[in-house]
């Protein structure tokens, strides 16, 4: 009882506890999701096809591997249709690609289906940590402990951390850019922080087109 009271009286310890609880819950749910060889969205399936295509052809601009082409040479029954795919030289290509997909290739090669969840989970977890940092920066009080809970459990962040989506990666880069800008104000390494902020914004644009409005 005294230990709980001590944690409650310390705003920083309470914030750390809040972050830990959300991260544990997020990790448990992600492990459960990764153990199921399927996706909650067809978007994730498209990204998987891209990952498999890169592994099959051995290059980042690889087409989608379509084994059914043997029986469907004119791709009349192919699932690769516009506006999500286009055909060139008899091969299907995805309209969208990003470093998120490229970075997932080795993880899929090493760990199989669960490897696809590493980046969504990791960037989602880092977002919780950054949100806690921002909350403490703005208001170093017990109320800061509510922010990781709200961000981690009351927004789509948790959902996007549990599937092969780039949403958490793009959001993490946007928030990291904001944190870098804040850090640059009082840091002796101002140019480094601003460079990191610019790089994060630029890389984030490859994840989600919505981030064009962020700068």
C-alpha atoms as a PDB file:
ATOM      1  CA  UNK A   1       0.000   0.000   0.000  1.00  0.00           C
ATOM      2  CA  UNK A   2       2.849   2.347   0.851  1.00  0.00           C
ATOM      3  CA  UNK A   3       4.487   1.548  -2.493  1.00  0.00           C
ATOM      4  CA  UNK A   4       1.319   2.483  -4.388  1.00  0.00           C
ATOM      5  CA  UNK A   5       1.034   5.683  -2.364  1.00  0.00           C
ATOM      6  CA  UNK A   6       4.667   6.539  -3.145  1.00  0.00           C
ATOM      7  CA  UNK A   7       4.105   6.046  -6.874  1.00  0.00           C
ATOM      8  CA  UNK A   8       0.940   8.125  -6.743  1.00  0.00           C
ATOM      9  CA  UNK A   9       2.705  11.005  -5.001  1.00  0.00           C
ATOM     10  CA  UNK A  10       5.486  11.055  -7.589  1.00  0.00           C
ATOM     11  CA  UNK A  11       4.159  12.463 -10.904  1.00  0.00           C
ATOM     12  CA  UNK A  12       7.167  11.168 -12.842  1.00  0.00           C
ATOM     13  CA  UNK A  13       6.844   7.639 -11.453  1.00  0.00           C
ATOM     14  CA  UNK A  14       3.146   7.701 -12.205  1.00  0.00           C
ATOM     15  CA  UNK A  15       3.921   8.672 -15.798  1.00  0.00           C
ATOM     16  CA  UNK A  16       6.447   5.837 -16.104  1.00  0.00           C
ATOM     17  CA  UNK A  17       3.886   3.386 -14.714  1.00  0.00           C
ATOM     18  CA  UNK A  18       1.283   4.628 -17.186  1.00  0.00           C
ATOM     19  CA  UNK A  19       3.661   4.146 -20.110  1.00  0.00           C
ATOM     20  CA  UNK A  20       4.629   0.677 -18.901  1.00  0.00           C
ATOM     21  CA  UNK A  21       1.025  -0.484 -18.556  1.00  0.00           C
ATOM     22  CA  UNK A  22       0.095   0.710 -22.055  1.00  0.00           C
ATOM     23  CA  UNK A  23       3.224  -0.830 -23.607  1.00  0.00           C
ATOM     24  CA  UNK A  24       2.621  -4.182 -21.951  1.00  0.00           C
ATOM     25  CA  UNK A  25      -0.993  -4.244 -23.133  1.00  0.00           C
ATOM     26  CA  UNK A  26       0.009  -3.192 -26.639  1.00  0.00           C
ATOM     27  CA  UNK A  27       2.717  -5.866 -26.787  1.00  0.00           C
ATOM     28  CA  UNK A  28       0.448  -8.658 -25.558  1.00  0.00           C
ATOM     29  CA  UNK A  29      -2.231  -7.778 -28.103  1.00  0.00           C
ATOM     30  CA  UNK A  30       0.329  -7.481 -30.898  1.00  0.00           C
ATOM     31  CA  UNK A  31       1.771 -10.925 -30.119  1.00  0.00           C
ATOM     32  CA  UNK A  32      -1.734 -12.342 -30.219  1.00  0.00           C
ATOM     33  CA  UNK A  33      -2.445 -10.624 -33.536  1.00  0.00           C
ATOM     34  CA  UNK A  34       0.868 -11.734 -35.047  1.00  0.00           C
ATOM     35  CA  UNK A  35       0.103 -15.362 -34.189  1.00  0.00           C
ATOM     36  CA  UNK A  36      -2.899 -15.328 -36.549  1.00  0.00           C
ATOM     37  CA  UNK A  37      -1.815 -15.809 -40.206  1.00  0.00           C
ATOM     38  CA  UNK A  38      -4.267 -13.301 -41.627  1.00  0.00           C
ATOM     39  CA  UNK A  39      -4.985  -9.569 -41.729  1.00  0.00           C
ATOM     40  CA  UNK A  40      -7.839  -7.356 -40.630  1.00  0.00           C
ATOM     41  CA  UNK A  41      -7.591  -5.263 -43.802  1.00  0.00           C
ATOM     42  CA  UNK A  42      -7.026  -5.938 -47.480  1.00  0.00           C
ATOM     43  CA  UNK A  43      -4.519  -3.049 -47.496  1.00  0.00           C
ATOM     44  CA  UNK A  44      -2.173  -5.174 -45.409  1.00  0.00           C
ATOM     45  CA  UNK A  45      -2.553  -7.983 -47.925  1.00  0.00           C
ATOM     46  CA  UNK A  46      -1.426  -5.698 -50.743  1.00  0.00           C
ATOM     47  CA  UNK A  47       1.700  -4.797 -48.773  1.00  0.00           C
ATOM     48  CA  UNK A  48       2.361  -8.489 -48.180  1.00  0.00           C
ATOM     49  CA  UNK A  49       2.219  -9.137 -51.930  1.00  0.00           C
ATOM     50  CA  UNK A  50       4.794  -6.381 -52.394  1.00  0.00           C
ATOM     51  CA  UNK A  51       7.070  -7.884 -49.757  1.00  0.00           C
ATOM     52  CA  UNK A  52       6.772 -11.313 -51.366  1.00  0.00           C
ATOM     53  CA  UNK A  53       7.457  -9.807 -54.792  1.00  0.00           C
ATOM     54  CA  UNK A  54      10.658  -8.163 -53.587  1.00  0.00           C
ATOM     55  CA  UNK A  55      11.814 -11.451 -52.070  1.00  0.00           C
ATOM     56  CA  UNK A  56      10.916 -13.342 -55.239  1.00  0.00           C
ATOM     57  CA  UNK A  57      12.569 -10.992 -57.745  1.00  0.00           C
ATOM     58  CA  UNK A  58      15.327  -9.637 -55.508  1.00  0.00           C
ATOM     59  CA  UNK A  59      14.839  -5.923 -56.194  1.00  0.00           C
ATOM     60  CA  UNK A  60      12.929  -3.055 -54.571  1.00  0.00           C
ATOM     61  CA  UNK A  61      11.002  -2.150 -57.741  1.00  0.00           C
ATOM     62  CA  UNK A  62       9.823  -5.729 -58.152  1.00  0.00           C
ATOM     63  CA  UNK A  63       6.425  -6.538 -59.625  1.00  0.00           C
ATOM     64  CA  UNK A  64       3.874  -8.606 -57.759  1.00  0.00           C
ATOM     65  CA  UNK A  65       4.472 -12.328 -58.100  1.00  0.00           C
ATOM     66  CA  UNK A  66       1.377 -13.744 -59.831  1.00  0.00           C
ATOM     67  CA  UNK A  67       1.546 -17.562 -59.980  1.00  0.00           C
ATOM     68  CA  UNK A  68      -1.905 -17.631 -61.570  1.00  0.00           C
ATOM     69  CA  UNK A  69      -0.497 -16.094 -64.757  1.00  0.00           C
ATOM     70  CA  UNK A  70       0.106 -19.639 -66.039  1.00  0.00           C
ATOM     71  CA  UNK A  71      -3.659 -20.168 -66.189  1.00  0.00           C
ATOM     72  CA  UNK A  72      -4.653 -16.538 -66.751  1.00  0.00           C
ATOM     73  CA  UNK A  73      -2.183 -15.098 -69.307  1.00  0.00           C
ATOM     74  CA  UNK A  74      -4.472 -12.167 -70.115  1.00  0.00           C
ATOM     75  CA  UNK A  75      -5.038 -11.502 -66.375  1.00  0.00           C
ATOM     76  CA  UNK A  76      -8.789 -11.400 -66.830  1.00  0.00           C
ATOM     77  CA  UNK A  77      -9.387 -12.999 -63.440  1.00  0.00           C
ATOM     78  CA  UNK A  78      -6.473 -11.416 -61.601  1.00  0.00           C
ATOM     79  CA  UNK A  79      -7.087  -9.605 -58.281  1.00  0.00           C
ATOM     80  CA  UNK A  80      -4.533  -7.005 -59.341  1.00  0.00           C
ATOM     81  CA  UNK A  81      -6.835  -4.315 -60.741  1.00  0.00           C
ATOM     82  CA  UNK A  82      -6.847  -0.508 -60.923  1.00  0.00           C
ATOM     83  CA  UNK A  83      -6.577   1.795 -59.100  1.00  0.00           C
ATOM     84  CA  UNK A  84      -4.414  -0.230 -56.703  1.00  0.00           C
ATOM     85  CA  UNK A  85      -2.324  -1.948 -59.368  1.00  0.00           C
ATOM     86  CA  UNK A  86      -1.131  -1.398 -62.908  1.00  0.00           C
ATOM     87  CA  UNK A  87       0.245  -3.796 -65.489  1.00  0.00           C
ATOM     88  CA  UNK A  88       3.474  -3.319 -67.420  1.00  0.00           C
ATOM     89  CA  UNK A  89       5.098  -5.829 -69.760  1.00  0.00           C
ATOM     90  CA  UNK A  90       2.591  -8.420 -68.613  1.00  0.00           C
ATOM     91  CA  UNK A  91       3.478  -8.043 -64.926  1.00  0.00           C
ATOM     92  CA  UNK A  92       1.398  -6.462 -62.117  1.00  0.00           C
ATOM     93  CA  UNK A  93       2.836  -3.625 -60.032  1.00  0.00           C
ATOM     94  CA  UNK A  94       1.423  -1.937 -56.961  1.00  0.00           C
ATOM     95  CA  UNK A  95       0.546   1.745 -57.295  1.00  0.00           C
ATOM     96  CA  UNK A  96       1.981   2.393 -53.838  1.00  0.00           C
ATOM     97  CA  UNK A  97       5.273   1.522 -52.225  1.00  0.00           C
ATOM     98  CA  UNK A  98       7.388   2.960 -49.418  1.00  0.00           C
ATOM     99  CA  UNK A  99      10.476   2.385 -47.268  1.00  0.00           C
ATOM    100  CA  UNK A 100       8.078   0.860 -44.727  1.00  0.00           C
ATOM    101  CA  UNK A 101       7.533  -2.054 -47.096  1.00  0.00           C
ATOM    102  CA  UNK A 102      11.224  -2.314 -47.966  1.00  0.00           C
ATOM    103  CA  UNK A 103      12.202  -2.379 -44.290  1.00  0.00           C
ATOM    104  CA  UNK A 104       9.690  -5.155 -43.677  1.00  0.00           C
ATOM    105  CA  UNK A 105      11.222  -7.467 -46.267  1.00  0.00           C
ATOM    106  CA  UNK A 106      14.137  -8.800 -44.153  1.00  0.00           C
ATOM    107  CA  UNK A 107      11.869  -9.169 -41.115  1.00  0.00           C
ATOM    108  CA  UNK A 108       9.435 -11.250 -43.165  1.00  0.00           C
ATOM    109  CA  UNK A 109      12.313 -13.317 -44.543  1.00  0.00           C
ATOM    110  CA  UNK A 110      13.665 -13.997 -41.042  1.00  0.00           C
ATOM    111  CA  UNK A 111      10.506 -14.417 -38.978  1.00  0.00           C
ATOM    112  CA  UNK A 112       7.735 -15.080 -41.470  1.00  0.00           C
ATOM    113  CA  UNK A 113       4.273 -13.600 -40.877  1.00  0.00           C
ATOM    114  CA  UNK A 114       5.022 -12.324 -37.317  1.00  0.00           C
ATOM    115  CA  UNK A 115       7.928 -10.294 -38.735  1.00  0.00           C
ATOM    116  CA  UNK A 116       5.447  -8.028 -40.522  1.00  0.00           C
ATOM    117  CA  UNK A 117       4.218  -6.712 -37.163  1.00  0.00           C
ATOM    118  CA  UNK A 118       7.602  -5.552 -35.866  1.00  0.00           C
ATOM    119  CA  UNK A 119       7.560  -2.046 -37.351  1.00  0.00           C
ATOM    120  CA  UNK A 120       3.899  -1.276 -36.542  1.00  0.00           C
ATOM    121  CA  UNK A 121       4.424  -2.468 -32.964  1.00  0.00           C
ATOM    122  CA  UNK A 122       7.785  -0.742 -32.469  1.00  0.00           C
ATOM    123  CA  UNK A 123       6.753   2.626 -33.880  1.00  0.00           C
ATOM    124  CA  UNK A 124       3.480   2.428 -31.954  1.00  0.00           C
ATOM    125  CA  UNK A 125       5.422   1.809 -28.747  1.00  0.00           C
ATOM    126  CA  UNK A 126       7.798   4.682 -29.484  1.00  0.00           C
ATOM    127  CA  UNK A 127       4.794   6.934 -30.067  1.00  0.00           C
ATOM    128  CA  UNK A 128       3.604   6.187 -26.535  1.00  0.00           C
ATOM    129  CA  UNK A 129       7.025   7.145 -25.177  1.00  0.00           C
ATOM    130  CA  UNK A 130       7.122  10.363 -27.212  1.00  0.00           C
ATOM    131  CA  UNK A 131       3.612  11.302 -26.123  1.00  0.00           C
ATOM    132  CA  UNK A 132       4.687  10.845 -22.503  1.00  0.00           C
ATOM    133  CA  UNK A 133       7.728  13.044 -23.094  1.00  0.00           C
ATOM    134  CA  UNK A 134       5.613  15.768 -24.683  1.00  0.00           C
ATOM    135  CA  UNK A 135       3.068  15.586 -21.864  1.00  0.00           C
ATOM    136  CA  UNK A 136       5.786  15.977 -19.238  1.00  0.00           C
ATOM    137  CA  UNK A 137       7.399  18.794 -21.212  1.00  0.00           C
ATOM    138  CA  UNK A 138       4.128  20.730 -21.332  1.00  0.00           C
ATOM    139  CA  UNK A 139       2.833  19.924 -17.854  1.00  0.00           C
ATOM    140  CA  UNK A 140       5.109  18.051 -15.414  1.00  0.00           C
ATOM    141  CA  UNK A 141       2.258  16.961 -13.172  1.00  0.00           C
ATOM    142  CA  UNK A 142       0.225  13.846 -12.374  1.00  0.00           C
ATOM    143  CA  UNK A 143      -2.171  14.669 -15.197  1.00  0.00           C
ATOM    144  CA  UNK A 144       0.631  13.849 -17.663  1.00  0.00           C
ATOM    145  CA  UNK A 145       0.103  10.165 -16.840  1.00  0.00           C
ATOM    146  CA  UNK A 146      -3.258  10.305 -18.607  1.00  0.00           C
ATOM    147  CA  UNK A 147      -1.702  11.117 -21.966  1.00  0.00           C
ATOM    148  CA  UNK A 148      -0.096   7.710 -22.719  1.00  0.00           C
ATOM    149  CA  UNK A 149      -3.378   6.028 -21.772  1.00  0.00           C
ATOM    150  CA  UNK A 150      -5.434   8.339 -23.979  1.00  0.00           C
ATOM    151  CA  UNK A 151      -3.037   8.146 -26.923  1.00  0.00           C
ATOM    152  CA  UNK A 152      -2.412   4.420 -26.597  1.00  0.00           C
ATOM    153  CA  UNK A 153      -5.894   3.146 -25.819  1.00  0.00           C
ATOM    154  CA  UNK A 154      -8.410   5.808 -26.857  1.00  0.00           C
ATOM    155  CA  UNK A 155      -7.217   6.530 -30.406  1.00  0.00           C
ATOM    156  CA  UNK A 156      -6.772   4.339 -33.527  1.00  0.00           C
ATOM    157  CA  UNK A 157      -3.084   4.006 -32.591  1.00  0.00           C
ATOM    158  CA  UNK A 158      -3.634   0.673 -30.834  1.00  0.00           C
ATOM    159  CA  UNK A 159      -5.553  -0.735 -33.807  1.00  0.00           C
ATOM    160  CA  UNK A 160      -2.903   0.380 -36.274  1.00  0.00           C
ATOM    161  CA  UNK A 161      -0.194  -1.205 -34.114  1.00  0.00           C
ATOM    162  CA  UNK A 162      -1.838  -4.606 -34.465  1.00  0.00           C
ATOM    163  CA  UNK A 163      -1.756  -5.033 -38.239  1.00  0.00           C
ATOM    164  CA  UNK A 164       0.633  -4.617 -41.148  1.00  0.00           C
ATOM    165  CA  UNK A 165      -0.046  -0.900 -41.579  1.00  0.00           C
ATOM    166  CA  UNK A 166       2.303   2.060 -41.960  1.00  0.00           C
ATOM    167  CA  UNK A 167       0.071   4.460 -40.003  1.00  0.00           C
ATOM    168  CA  UNK A 168       2.017   4.194 -36.744  1.00  0.00           C
ATOM    169  CA  UNK A 169       5.326   4.597 -38.573  1.00  0.00           C
ATOM    170  CA  UNK A 170       4.157   7.761 -40.330  1.00  0.00           C
ATOM    171  CA  UNK A 171       2.669   9.219 -37.154  1.00  0.00           C
ATOM    172  CA  UNK A 172       5.800   8.389 -35.180  1.00  0.00           C
ATOM    173  CA  UNK A 173       7.962  10.247 -37.698  1.00  0.00           C
ATOM    174  CA  UNK A 174       5.675  13.286 -37.546  1.00  0.00           C
ATOM    175  CA  UNK A 175       5.717  13.378 -33.740  1.00  0.00           C
ATOM    176  CA  UNK A 176       9.464  12.733 -33.647  1.00  0.00           C
ATOM    177  CA  UNK A 177       9.924  15.738 -35.948  1.00  0.00           C
ATOM    178  CA  UNK A 178       7.942  17.851 -33.485  1.00  0.00           C
ATOM    179  CA  UNK A 179      10.019  16.599 -30.552  1.00  0.00           C
ATOM    180  CA  UNK A 180      13.230  17.284 -32.491  1.00  0.00           C
ATOM    181  CA  UNK A 181      12.151  20.866 -33.171  1.00  0.00           C
ATOM    182  CA  UNK A 182      11.396  21.371 -29.470  1.00  0.00           C
ATOM    183  CA  UNK A 183      14.764  19.877 -28.512  1.00  0.00           C
ATOM    184  CA  UNK A 184      16.574  22.140 -30.971  1.00  0.00           C
ATOM    185  CA  UNK A 185      15.403  25.254 -29.123  1.00  0.00           C
ATOM    186  CA  UNK A 186      17.495  24.592 -26.024  1.00  0.00           C
ATOM    187  CA  UNK A 187      20.162  22.245 -27.416  1.00  0.00           C
ATOM    188  CA  UNK A 188      23.723  23.142 -28.351  1.00  0.00           C
ATOM    189  CA  UNK A 189      23.287  20.734 -31.277  1.00  0.00           C
ATOM    190  CA  UNK A 190      20.472  22.736 -32.836  1.00  0.00           C
ATOM    191  CA  UNK A 191      21.375  21.931 -36.438  1.00  0.00           C
ATOM    192  CA  UNK A 192      21.436  18.198 -35.738  1.00  0.00           C
ATOM    193  CA  UNK A 193      17.984  18.231 -34.188  1.00  0.00           C
ATOM    194  CA  UNK A 194      16.575  20.320 -37.030  1.00  0.00           C
ATOM    195  CA  UNK A 195      18.159  17.986 -39.577  1.00  0.00           C
ATOM    196  CA  UNK A 196      16.530  15.037 -37.829  1.00  0.00           C
ATOM    197  CA  UNK A 197      13.211  16.892 -37.867  1.00  0.00           C
ATOM    198  CA  UNK A 198      13.444  17.580 -41.600  1.00  0.00           C
ATOM    199  CA  UNK A 199      14.483  14.016 -42.381  1.00  0.00           C
ATOM    200  CA  UNK A 200      11.606  12.659 -40.292  1.00  0.00           C
ATOM    201  CA  UNK A 201       9.071  14.828 -42.079  1.00  0.00           C
ATOM    202  CA  UNK A 202      10.456  13.830 -45.479  1.00  0.00           C
ATOM    203  CA  UNK A 203      10.470  10.120 -44.650  1.00  0.00           C
ATOM    204  CA  UNK A 204       7.011  10.401 -43.116  1.00  0.00           C
ATOM    205  CA  UNK A 205       5.644  11.642 -46.440  1.00  0.00           C
ATOM    206  CA  UNK A 206       6.574   8.292 -47.966  1.00  0.00           C
ATOM    207  CA  UNK A 207       4.374   6.561 -45.385  1.00  0.00           C
ATOM    208  CA  UNK A 208       1.156   8.589 -45.419  1.00  0.00           C
ATOM    209  CA  UNK A 209       0.098  11.237 -47.919  1.00  0.00           C
ATOM    210  CA  UNK A 210      -1.833  13.029 -45.149  1.00  0.00           C
ATOM    211  CA  UNK A 211       1.488  14.185 -43.734  1.00  0.00           C
ATOM    212  CA  UNK A 212       1.827  16.661 -46.608  1.00  0.00           C
ATOM    213  CA  UNK A 213      -0.243  19.037 -44.467  1.00  0.00           C
ATOM    214  CA  UNK A 214       2.050  18.599 -41.449  1.00  0.00           C
ATOM    215  CA  UNK A 215       4.933  20.961 -42.393  1.00  0.00           C
END
